[in-house]
Amino acid sequence: MSGLLIGFVTAQVLVFVMHAIYSNTTSMLTLTFAAACLVYHTANKFVNASGVIALFVLGFITGGERQSLSTEMENFLLTFWSFVGYLVNCTVCVLAGFFTV
């Protein structure tokens, strides 16, 4: 339950700040990355809640706000987070290979 609350509160703050820095791509990128790291570690380390659930709630709520972003900003963030996902998948596959050999 705490993970849901942490994710929800962080998402509301993030959405408010996203509207304030609407057109600054560097700030938006930094903000979304920092919020994802912050909510996960806050839930896991300090509250002993599920960081994955908190991160899911954060992504679900902020993902609903993408219609309010410009097309350029939406494409920029989509490209960045797709690249991050690709890096994580590659890292998992490499580590799985190391540990199975």
PDB file of N, CA and C in Angstrom:
ATOM      1  N   MET A   1       0.817  -1.197   0.000  1.00  0.00           N
ATOM      2  CA  MET A   1       0.000   0.000   0.000  1.00  0.00           C
ATOM      3  C   MET A   1       0.867   1.270   0.000  1.00  0.00           C
ATOM      4  N   SER A   2       1.991   1.199   0.685  1.00  0.00           N
ATOM      5  CA  SER A   2       2.876   2.365   0.736  1.00  0.00           C
ATOM      6  C   SER A   2       3.484   2.665  -0.625  1.00  0.00           C
ATOM      7  N   GLY A   3       3.777   1.617  -1.404  1.00  0.00           N
ATOM      8  CA  GLY A   3       4.318   1.816  -2.743  1.00  0.00           C
ATOM      9  C   GLY A   3       3.352   2.573  -3.636  1.00  0.00           C
ATOM     10  N   LEU A   4       2.061   2.244  -3.510  1.00  0.00           N
ATOM     11  CA  LEU A   4       1.044   2.966  -4.282  1.00  0.00           C
ATOM     12  C   LEU A   4       1.021   4.439  -3.906  1.00  0.00           C
ATOM     13  N   LEU A   5       1.070   4.708  -2.618  1.00  0.00           N
ATOM     14  CA  LEU A   5       1.012   6.086  -2.139  1.00  0.00           C
ATOM     15  C   LEU A   5       2.243   6.883  -2.567  1.00  0.00           C
ATOM     16  N   ILE A   6       3.415   6.294  -2.432  1.00  0.00           N
ATOM     17  CA  ILE A   6       4.646   6.986  -2.838  1.00  0.00           C
ATOM     18  C   ILE A   6       4.632   7.273  -4.336  1.00  0.00           C
ATOM     19  N   GLY A   7       4.227   6.297  -5.128  1.00  0.00           N
ATOM     20  CA  GLY A   7       4.145   6.494  -6.572  1.00  0.00           C
ATOM     21  C   GLY A   7       3.137   7.558  -6.954  1.00  0.00           C
ATOM     22  N   PHE A   8       1.990   7.559  -6.283  1.00  0.00           N
ATOM     23  CA  PHE A   8       0.940   8.529  -6.596  1.00  0.00           C
ATOM     24  C   PHE A   8       1.369   9.951  -6.244  1.00  0.00           C
ATOM     25  N   VAL A   9       1.904  10.132  -5.052  1.00  0.00           N
ATOM     26  CA  VAL A   9       2.320  11.477  -4.621  1.00  0.00           C
ATOM     27  C   VAL A   9       3.444  12.003  -5.514  1.00  0.00           C
ATOM     28  N   THR A  10       4.417  11.164  -5.799  1.00  0.00           N
ATOM     29  CA  THR A  10       5.520  11.586  -6.665  1.00  0.00           C
ATOM     30  C   THR A  10       5.022  11.913  -8.064  1.00  0.00           C
ATOM     31  N   ALA A  11       4.068  11.133  -8.561  1.00  0.00           N
ATOM     32  CA  ALA A  11       3.516  11.390  -9.895  1.00  0.00           C
ATOM     33  C   ALA A  11       2.792  12.727  -9.946  1.00  0.00           C
ATOM     34  N   GLN A  12       2.051  13.058  -8.902  1.00  0.00           N
ATOM     35  CA  GLN A  12       1.337  14.334  -8.890  1.00  0.00           C
ATOM     36  C   GLN A  12       2.317  15.505  -8.899  1.00  0.00           C
ATOM     37  N   VAL A  13       3.380  15.386  -8.124  1.00  0.00           N
ATOM     38  CA  VAL A  13       4.406  16.437  -8.117  1.00  0.00           C
ATOM     39  C   VAL A  13       5.092  16.511  -9.478  1.00  0.00           C
ATOM     40  N   LEU A  14       5.405  15.350 -10.049  1.00  0.00           N
ATOM     41  CA  LEU A  14       6.072  15.308 -11.349  1.00  0.00           C
ATOM     42  C   LEU A  14       5.212  15.934 -12.439  1.00  0.00           C
ATOM     43  N   VAL A  15       3.926  15.640 -12.450  1.00  0.00           N
ATOM     44  CA  VAL A  15       3.028  16.213 -13.460  1.00  0.00           C
ATOM     45  C   VAL A  15       2.970  17.732 -13.317  1.00  0.00           C
ATOM     46  N   PHE A  16       2.919  18.217 -12.087  1.00  0.00           N
ATOM     47  CA  PHE A  16       2.890  19.660 -11.854  1.00  0.00           C
ATOM     48  C   PHE A  16       4.156  20.320 -12.400  1.00  0.00           C
ATOM     49  N   VAL A  17       5.308  19.724 -12.123  1.00  0.00           N
ATOM     50  CA  VAL A  17       6.575  20.296 -12.588  1.00  0.00           C
ATOM     51  C   VAL A  17       6.712  20.148 -14.103  1.00  0.00           C
ATOM     52  N   MET A  18       6.194  19.049 -14.661  1.00  0.00           N
ATOM     53  CA  MET A  18       6.251  18.863 -16.116  1.00  0.00           C
ATOM     54  C   MET A  18       5.506  19.979 -16.846  1.00  0.00           C
ATOM     55  N   HIS A  19       4.396  20.412 -16.276  1.00  0.00           N
ATOM     56  CA  HIS A  19       3.651  21.506 -16.901  1.00  0.00           C
ATOM     57  C   HIS A  19       4.408  22.829 -16.779  1.00  0.00           C
ATOM     58  N   ALA A  20       5.212  22.961 -15.736  1.00  0.00           N
ATOM     59  CA  ALA A  20       5.974  24.197 -15.548  1.00  0.00           C
ATOM     60  C   ALA A  20       7.156  24.293 -16.512  1.00  0.00           C
ATOM     61  N   ILE A  21       7.767  23.160 -16.856  1.00  0.00           N
ATOM     62  CA  ILE A  21       8.934  23.174 -17.756  1.00  0.00           C
ATOM     63  C   ILE A  21       8.557  22.557 -19.096  1.00  0.00           C
ATOM     64  N   TYR A  22       7.453  22.924 -19.617  1.00  0.00           N
ATOM     65  CA  TYR A  22       6.808  22.326 -20.779  1.00  0.00           C
ATOM     66  C   TYR A  22       7.725  22.157 -21.984  1.00  0.00           C
ATOM     67  N   SER A  23       8.567  23.132 -22.286  1.00  0.00           N
ATOM     68  CA  SER A  23       9.306  23.100 -23.555  1.00  0.00           C
ATOM     69  C   SER A  23      10.806  22.852 -23.410  1.00  0.00           C
ATOM     70  N   ASN A  24      11.298  22.643 -22.222  1.00  0.00           N
ATOM     71  CA  ASN A  24      12.729  22.443 -22.009  1.00  0.00           C
ATOM     72  C   ASN A  24      13.033  20.943 -21.997  1.00  0.00           C
ATOM     73  N   THR A  25      13.590  20.439 -23.098  1.00  0.00           N
ATOM     74  CA  THR A  25      13.792  18.994 -23.239  1.00  0.00           C
ATOM     75  C   THR A  25      14.828  18.449 -22.259  1.00  0.00           C
ATOM     76  N   THR A  26      15.890  19.180 -22.018  1.00  0.00           N
ATOM     77  CA  THR A  26      16.928  18.710 -21.103  1.00  0.00           C
ATOM     78  C   THR A  26      16.394  18.597 -19.679  1.00  0.00           C
ATOM     79  N   SER A  27      15.659  19.602 -19.253  1.00  0.00           N
ATOM     80  CA  SER A  27      15.081  19.561 -17.912  1.00  0.00           C
ATOM     81  C   SER A  27      14.043  18.456 -17.785  1.00  0.00           C
ATOM     82  N   MET A  28      13.258  18.257 -18.827  1.00  0.00           N
ATOM     83  CA  MET A  28      12.236  17.213 -18.794  1.00  0.00           C
ATOM     84  C   MET A  28      12.881  15.835 -18.710  1.00  0.00           C
ATOM     85  N   LEU A  29      13.931  15.628 -19.463  1.00  0.00           N
ATOM     86  CA  LEU A  29      14.646  14.354 -19.434  1.00  0.00           C
ATOM     87  C   LEU A  29      15.241  14.103 -18.054  1.00  0.00           C
ATOM     88  N   THR A  30      15.912  15.099 -17.517  1.00  0.00           N
ATOM     89  CA  THR A  30      16.515  14.976 -16.195  1.00  0.00           C
ATOM     90  C   THR A  30      15.457  14.731 -15.133  1.00  0.00           C
ATOM     91  N   LEU A  31      14.359  15.442 -15.227  1.00  0.00           N
ATOM     92  CA  LEU A  31      13.283  15.310 -14.246  1.00  0.00           C
ATOM     93  C   LEU A  31      12.666  13.917 -14.264  1.00  0.00           C
ATOM     94  N   THR A  32      12.363  13.393 -15.438  1.00  0.00           N
ATOM     95  CA  THR A  32      11.733  12.074 -15.500  1.00  0.00           C
ATOM     96  C   THR A  32      12.693  10.981 -15.032  1.00  0.00           C
ATOM     97  N   PHE A  33      13.958  11.094 -15.388  1.00  0.00           N
ATOM     98  CA  PHE A  33      14.938  10.093 -14.954  1.00  0.00           C
ATOM     99  C   PHE A  33      15.149  10.154 -13.445  1.00  0.00           C
ATOM    100  N   ALA A  34      15.288  11.361 -12.912  1.00  0.00           N
ATOM    101  CA  ALA A  34      15.497  11.520 -11.471  1.00  0.00           C
ATOM    102  C   ALA A  34      14.278  11.054 -10.679  1.00  0.00           C
ATOM    103  N   ALA A  35      13.083  11.345 -11.182  1.00  0.00           N
ATOM    104  CA  ALA A  35      11.869  10.922 -10.480  1.00  0.00           C
ATOM    105  C   ALA A  35      11.765   9.407 -10.437  1.00  0.00           C
ATOM    106  N   ALA A  36      12.114   8.752 -11.532  1.00  0.00           N
ATOM    107  CA  ALA A  36      12.063   7.285 -11.562  1.00  0.00           C
ATOM    108  C   ALA A  36      13.043   6.688 -10.552  1.00  0.00           C
ATOM    109  N   CYS A  37      14.258   7.197 -10.528  1.00  0.00           N
ATOM    110  CA  CYS A  37      15.251   6.696  -9.565  1.00  0.00           C
ATOM    111  C   CYS A  37      14.839   7.010  -8.133  1.00  0.00           C
ATOM    112  N   LEU A  38      14.363   8.217  -7.913  1.00  0.00           N
ATOM    113  CA  LEU A  38      13.982   8.656  -6.574  1.00  0.00           C
ATOM    114  C   LEU A  38      12.833   7.832  -6.007  1.00  0.00           C
ATOM    115  N   VAL A  39      11.797   7.619  -6.807  1.00  0.00           N
ATOM    116  CA  VAL A  39      10.632   6.900  -6.285  1.00  0.00           C
ATOM    117  C   VAL A  39      10.980   5.443  -6.004  1.00  0.00           C
ATOM    118  N   TYR A  40      11.792   4.829  -6.844  1.00  0.00           N
ATOM    119  CA  TYR A  40      12.167   3.428  -6.624  1.00  0.00           C
ATOM    120  C   TYR A  40      12.992   3.275  -5.345  1.00  0.00           C
ATOM    121  N   HIS A  41      14.020   4.090  -5.202  1.00  0.00           N
ATOM    122  CA  HIS A  41      14.897   3.966  -4.038  1.00  0.00           C
ATOM    123  C   HIS A  41      14.215   4.417  -2.752  1.00  0.00           C
ATOM    124  N   THR A  42      13.364   5.422  -2.826  1.00  0.00           N
ATOM    125  CA  THR A  42      12.632   5.852  -1.638  1.00  0.00           C
ATOM    126  C   THR A  42      11.728   4.738  -1.135  1.00  0.00           C
ATOM    127  N   ALA A  43      11.001   4.117  -2.040  1.00  0.00           N
ATOM    128  CA  ALA A  43      10.097   3.041  -1.635  1.00  0.00           C
ATOM    129  C   ALA A  43      10.874   1.839  -1.110  1.00  0.00           C
ATOM    130  N   ASN A  44      11.926   1.452  -1.789  1.00  0.00           N
ATOM    131  CA  ASN A  44      12.691   0.257  -1.396  1.00  0.00           C
ATOM    132  C   ASN A  44      13.505   0.455  -0.126  1.00  0.00           C
ATOM    133  N   LYS A  45      14.276   1.506  -0.069  1.00  0.00           N
ATOM    134  CA  LYS A  45      15.258   1.667   1.005  1.00  0.00           C
ATOM    135  C   LYS A  45      14.699   2.312   2.267  1.00  0.00           C
ATOM    136  N   PHE A  46      13.857   3.328   2.109  1.00  0.00           N
ATOM    137  CA  PHE A  46      13.444   4.103   3.272  1.00  0.00           C
ATOM    138  C   PHE A  46      12.099   3.686   3.853  1.00  0.00           C
ATOM    139  N   VAL A  47      11.213   3.158   3.022  1.00  0.00           N
ATOM    140  CA  VAL A  47       9.859   2.844   3.486  1.00  0.00           C
ATOM    141  C   VAL A  47       9.622   1.337   3.552  1.00  0.00           C
ATOM    142  N   ASN A  48      10.523   0.549   2.984  1.00  0.00           N
ATOM    143  CA  ASN A  48      10.356  -0.905   2.873  1.00  0.00           C
ATOM    144  C   ASN A  48       9.070  -1.281   2.149  1.00  0.00           C
ATOM    145  N   ALA A  49       8.750  -0.522   1.125  1.00  0.00           N
ATOM    146  CA  ALA A  49       7.594  -0.798   0.274  1.00  0.00           C
ATOM    147  C   ALA A  49       8.118  -1.314  -1.060  1.00  0.00           C
ATOM    148  N   SER A  50       7.220  -1.691  -1.930  1.00  0.00           N
ATOM    149  CA  SER A  50       7.616  -2.200  -3.237  1.00  0.00           C
ATOM    150  C   SER A  50       7.995  -1.040  -4.161  1.00  0.00           C
ATOM    151  N   GLY A  51       9.258  -0.989  -4.532  1.00  0.00           N
ATOM    152  CA  GLY A  51       9.720   0.034  -5.463  1.00  0.00           C
ATOM    153  C   GLY A  51       9.163  -0.175  -6.851  1.00  0.00           C
ATOM    154  N   VAL A  52       8.927  -1.433  -7.217  1.00  0.00           N
ATOM    155  CA  VAL A  52       8.380  -1.738  -8.538  1.00  0.00           C
ATOM    156  C   VAL A  52       6.951  -1.211  -8.652  1.00  0.00           C
ATOM    157  N   ILE A  53       6.146  -1.400  -7.612  1.00  0.00           N
ATOM    158  CA  ILE A  53       4.769  -0.899  -7.643  1.00  0.00           C
ATOM    159  C   ILE A  53       4.761   0.626  -7.652  1.00  0.00           C
ATOM    160  N   ALA A  54       5.615   1.239  -6.852  1.00  0.00           N
ATOM    161  CA  ALA A  54       5.698   2.703  -6.836  1.00  0.00           C
ATOM    162  C   ALA A  54       6.101   3.234  -8.205  1.00  0.00           C
ATOM    163  N   LEU A  55       7.044   2.568  -8.839  1.00  0.00           N
ATOM    164  CA  LEU A  55       7.497   2.979 -10.166  1.00  0.00           C
ATOM    165  C   LEU A  55       6.412   2.772 -11.213  1.00  0.00           C
ATOM    166  N   PHE A  56       5.654   1.686 -11.089  1.00  0.00           N
ATOM    167  CA  PHE A  56       4.543   1.437 -12.005  1.00  0.00           C
ATOM    168  C   PHE A  56       3.491   2.537 -11.905  1.00  0.00           C
ATOM    169  N   VAL A  57       3.119   2.898 -10.689  1.00  0.00           N
ATOM    170  CA  VAL A  57       2.113   3.952 -10.494  1.00  0.00           C
ATOM    171  C   VAL A  57       2.624   5.275 -11.050  1.00  0.00           C
ATOM    172  N   LEU A  58       3.881   5.586 -10.797  1.00  0.00           N
ATOM    173  CA  LEU A  58       4.480   6.810 -11.341  1.00  0.00           C
ATOM    174  C   LEU A  58       4.411   6.823 -12.860  1.00  0.00           C
ATOM    175  N   GLY A  59       4.815   5.737 -13.486  1.00  0.00           N
ATOM    176  CA  GLY A  59       4.789   5.661 -14.949  1.00  0.00           C
ATOM    177  C   GLY A  59       3.389   5.687 -15.519  1.00  0.00           C
ATOM    178  N   PHE A  60       2.452   5.039 -14.844  1.00  0.00           N
ATOM    179  CA  PHE A  60       1.073   4.991 -15.318  1.00  0.00           C
ATOM    180  C   PHE A  60       0.438   6.381 -15.309  1.00  0.00           C
ATOM    181  N   ILE A  61       0.634   7.107 -14.229  1.00  0.00           N
ATOM    182  CA  ILE A  61       0.024   8.439 -14.112  1.00  0.00           C
ATOM    183  C   ILE A  61       0.710   9.438 -15.039  1.00  0.00           C
ATOM    184  N   THR A  62       2.035   9.451 -15.050  1.00  0.00           N
ATOM    185  CA  THR A  62       2.724  10.412 -15.917  1.00  0.00           C
ATOM    186  C   THR A  62       2.576  10.043 -17.388  1.00  0.00           C
ATOM    187  N   GLY A  63       2.417   8.767 -17.696  1.00  0.00           N
ATOM    188  CA  GLY A  63       2.174   8.353 -19.080  1.00  0.00           C
ATOM    189  C   GLY A  63       0.861   8.886 -19.611  1.00  0.00           C
ATOM    190  N   GLY A  64      -0.110   9.060 -18.740  1.00  0.00           N
ATOM    191  CA  GLY A  64      -1.385   9.633 -19.144  1.00  0.00           C
ATOM    192  C   GLY A  64      -1.293  11.112 -19.472  1.00  0.00           C
ATOM    193  N   GLU A  65      -0.227  11.740 -19.051  1.00  0.00           N
ATOM    194  CA  GLU A  65      -0.037  13.170 -19.302  1.00  0.00           C
ATOM    195  C   GLU A  65       0.680  13.450 -20.612  1.00  0.00           C
ATOM    196  N   ARG A  66       1.033  12.424 -21.358  1.00  0.00           N
ATOM    197  CA  ARG A  66       1.826  12.670 -22.560  1.00  0.00           C
ATOM    198  C   ARG A  66       1.051  13.403 -23.645  1.00  0.00           C
ATOM    199  N   GLN A  67      -0.276  13.382 -23.614  1.00  0.00           N
ATOM    200  CA  GLN A  67      -1.055  14.146 -24.589  1.00  0.00           C
ATOM    201  C   GLN A  67      -0.891  15.649 -24.374  1.00  0.00           C
ATOM    202  N   SER A  68      -0.532  16.040 -23.162  1.00  0.00           N
ATOM    203  CA  SER A  68      -0.353  17.464 -22.896  1.00  0.00           C
ATOM    204  C   SER A  68       1.033  17.960 -23.316  1.00  0.00           C
ATOM    205  N   LEU A  69       1.921  17.039 -23.707  1.00  0.00           N
ATOM    206  CA  LEU A  69       3.255  17.429 -24.164  1.00  0.00           C
ATOM    207  C   LEU A  69       3.231  17.735 -25.660  1.00  0.00           C
ATOM    208  N   SER A  70       4.198  18.493 -26.100  1.00  0.00           N
ATOM    209  CA  SER A  70       4.324  18.736 -27.535  1.00  0.00           C
ATOM    210  C   SER A  70       4.774  17.445 -28.214  1.00  0.00           C
ATOM    211  N   THR A  71       4.542  17.350 -29.511  1.00  0.00           N
ATOM    212  CA  THR A  71       4.930  16.156 -30.257  1.00  0.00           C
ATOM    213  C   THR A  71       6.439  15.950 -30.204  1.00  0.00           C
ATOM    214  N   GLU A  72       7.187  17.038 -30.294  1.00  0.00           N
ATOM    215  CA  GLU A  72       8.648  16.952 -30.226  1.00  0.00           C
ATOM    216  C   GLU A  72       9.103  16.412 -28.874  1.00  0.00           C
ATOM    217  N   MET A  73       8.502  16.918 -27.803  1.00  0.00           N
ATOM    218  CA  MET A  73       8.871  16.471 -26.461  1.00  0.00           C
ATOM    219  C   MET A  73       8.491  15.007 -26.254  1.00  0.00           C
ATOM    220  N   GLU A  74       7.320  14.632 -26.723  1.00  0.00           N
ATOM    221  CA  GLU A  74       6.866  13.248 -26.586  1.00  0.00           C
ATOM    222  C   GLU A  74       7.807  12.291 -27.322  1.00  0.00           C
ATOM    223  N   ASN A  75       8.192  12.643 -28.540  1.00  0.00           N
ATOM    224  CA  ASN A  75       9.120  11.807 -29.309  1.00  0.00           C
ATOM    225  C   ASN A  75      10.495  11.727 -28.650  1.00  0.00           C
ATOM    226  N   PHE A  76      10.946  12.852 -28.114  1.00  0.00           N
ATOM    227  CA  PHE A  76      12.238  12.890 -27.433  1.00  0.00           C
ATOM    228  C   PHE A  76      12.250  11.961 -26.225  1.00  0.00           C
ATOM    229  N   LEU A  77      11.228  12.051 -25.383  1.00  0.00           N
ATOM    230  CA  LEU A  77      11.159  11.204 -24.196  1.00  0.00           C
ATOM    231  C   LEU A  77      10.956   9.740 -24.559  1.00  0.00           C
ATOM    232  N   LEU A  78      10.158   9.478 -25.583  1.00  0.00           N
ATOM    233  CA  LEU A  78       9.937   8.101 -26.023  1.00  0.00           C
ATOM    234  C   LEU A  78      11.238   7.477 -26.521  1.00  0.00           C
ATOM    235  N   THR A  79      12.009   8.234 -27.282  1.00  0.00           N
ATOM    236  CA  THR A  79      13.296   7.742 -27.774  1.00  0.00           C
ATOM    237  C   THR A  79      14.254   7.460 -26.622  1.00  0.00           C
ATOM    238  N   PHE A  80      14.309   8.372 -25.675  1.00  0.00           N
ATOM    239  CA  PHE A  80      15.206   8.186 -24.530  1.00  0.00           C
ATOM    240  C   PHE A  80      14.832   6.951 -23.721  1.00  0.00           C
ATOM    241  N   TRP A  81      13.561   6.826 -23.353  1.00  0.00           N
ATOM    242  CA  TRP A  81      13.157   5.701 -22.510  1.00  0.00           C
ATOM    243  C   TRP A  81      13.215   4.382 -23.270  1.00  0.00           C
ATOM    244  N   SER A  82      13.038   4.403 -24.577  1.00  0.00           N
ATOM    245  CA  SER A  82      13.226   3.182 -25.369  1.00  0.00           C
ATOM    246  C   SER A  82      14.687   2.749 -25.340  1.00  0.00           C
ATOM    247  N   PHE A  83      15.585   3.714 -25.426  1.00  0.00           N
ATOM    248  CA  PHE A  83      17.014   3.417 -25.354  1.00  0.00           C
ATOM    249  C   PHE A  83      17.396   2.869 -23.982  1.00  0.00           C
ATOM    250  N   VAL A  84      16.850   3.450 -22.930  1.00  0.00           N
ATOM    251  CA  VAL A  84      17.117   2.946 -21.580  1.00  0.00           C
ATOM    252  C   VAL A  84      16.620   1.506 -21.450  1.00  0.00           C
ATOM    253  N   GLY A  85      15.434   1.225 -21.976  1.00  0.00           N
ATOM    254  CA  GLY A  85      14.908  -0.141 -21.958  1.00  0.00           C
ATOM    255  C   GLY A  85      15.797  -1.107 -22.712  1.00  0.00           C
ATOM    256  N   TYR A  86      16.314  -0.672 -23.847  1.00  0.00           N
ATOM    257  CA  TYR A  86      17.230  -1.497 -24.637  1.00  0.00           C
ATOM    258  C   TYR A  86      18.503  -1.799 -23.851  1.00  0.00           C
ATOM    259  N   LEU A  87      19.068  -0.790 -23.197  1.00  0.00           N
ATOM    260  CA  LEU A  87      20.276  -0.999 -22.400  1.00  0.00           C
ATOM    261  C   LEU A  87      20.037  -1.968 -21.248  1.00  0.00           C
ATOM    262  N   VAL A  88      18.898  -1.841 -20.597  1.00  0.00           N
ATOM    263  CA  VAL A  88      18.577  -2.745 -19.487  1.00  0.00           C
ATOM    264  C   VAL A  88      18.433  -4.174 -19.994  1.00  0.00           C
ATOM    265  N   ASN A  89      17.745  -4.353 -21.119  1.00  0.00           N
ATOM    266  CA  ASN A  89      17.596  -5.697 -21.686  1.00  0.00           C
ATOM    267  C   ASN A  89      18.947  -6.299 -22.056  1.00  0.00           C
ATOM    268  N   CYS A  90      19.812  -5.505 -22.660  1.00  0.00           N
ATOM    269  CA  CYS A  90      21.153  -5.996 -23.012  1.00  0.00           C
ATOM    270  C   CYS A  90      21.939  -6.384 -21.768  1.00  0.00           C
ATOM    271  N   THR A  91      21.859  -5.567 -20.743  1.00  0.00           N
ATOM    272  CA  THR A  91      22.575  -5.853 -19.502  1.00  0.00           C
ATOM    273  C   THR A  91      22.085  -7.145 -18.865  1.00  0.00           C
ATOM    274  N   VAL A  92      20.781  -7.341 -18.835  1.00  0.00           N
ATOM    275  CA  VAL A  92      20.218  -8.567 -18.264  1.00  0.00           C
ATOM    276  C   VAL A  92      20.680  -9.788 -19.052  1.00  0.00           C
ATOM    277  N   CYS A  93      20.675  -9.697 -20.360  1.00  0.00           N
ATOM    278  CA  CYS A  93      21.109 -10.834 -21.188  1.00  0.00           C
ATOM    279  C   CYS A  93      22.589 -11.142 -20.991  1.00  0.00           C
ATOM    280  N   VAL A  94      23.417 -10.123 -20.910  1.00  0.00           N
ATOM    281  CA  VAL A  94      24.850 -10.340 -20.693  1.00  0.00           C
ATOM    282  C   VAL A  94      25.087 -10.959 -19.319  1.00  0.00           C
ATOM    283  N   LEU A  95      24.419 -10.441 -18.301  1.00  0.00           N
ATOM    284  CA  LEU A  95      24.584 -11.003 -16.957  1.00  0.00           C
ATOM    285  C   LEU A  95      24.066 -12.432 -16.881  1.00  0.00           C
ATOM    286  N   ALA A  96      22.965 -12.716 -17.553  1.00  0.00           N
ATOM    287  CA  ALA A  96      22.442 -14.089 -17.581  1.00  0.00           C
ATOM    288  C   ALA A  96      23.444 -15.020 -18.248  1.00  0.00           C
ATOM    289  N   GLY A  97      24.093 -14.552 -19.293  1.00  0.00           N
ATOM    290  CA  GLY A  97      25.119 -15.351 -19.950  1.00  0.00           C
ATOM    291  C   GLY A  97      26.315 -15.608 -19.051  1.00  0.00           C
ATOM    292  N   PHE A  98      26.738 -14.592 -18.310  1.00  0.00           N
ATOM    293  CA  PHE A  98      27.868 -14.768 -17.400  1.00  0.00           C
ATOM    294  C   PHE A  98      27.561 -15.763 -16.290  1.00  0.00           C
ATOM    295  N   PHE A  99      26.362 -15.693 -15.750  1.00  0.00           N
ATOM    296  CA  PHE A  99      26.027 -16.539 -14.611  1.00  0.00           C
ATOM    297  C   PHE A  99      25.658 -17.965 -15.004  1.00  0.00           C
ATOM    298  N   THR A 100      25.323 -18.194 -16.259  1.00  0.00           N
ATOM    299  CA  THR A 100      24.990 -19.558 -16.675  1.00  0.00           C
ATOM    300  C   THR A 100      26.204 -20.330 -17.166  1.00  0.00           C
ATOM    301  N   VAL A 101      27.276 -19.626 -17.444  1.00  0.00           N
ATOM    302  CA  VAL A 101      28.482 -20.307 -17.949  1.00  0.00           C
ATOM    303  C   VAL A 101      29.386 -20.683 -16.807  1.00  0.00           C
TER     304      VAL A 101
END
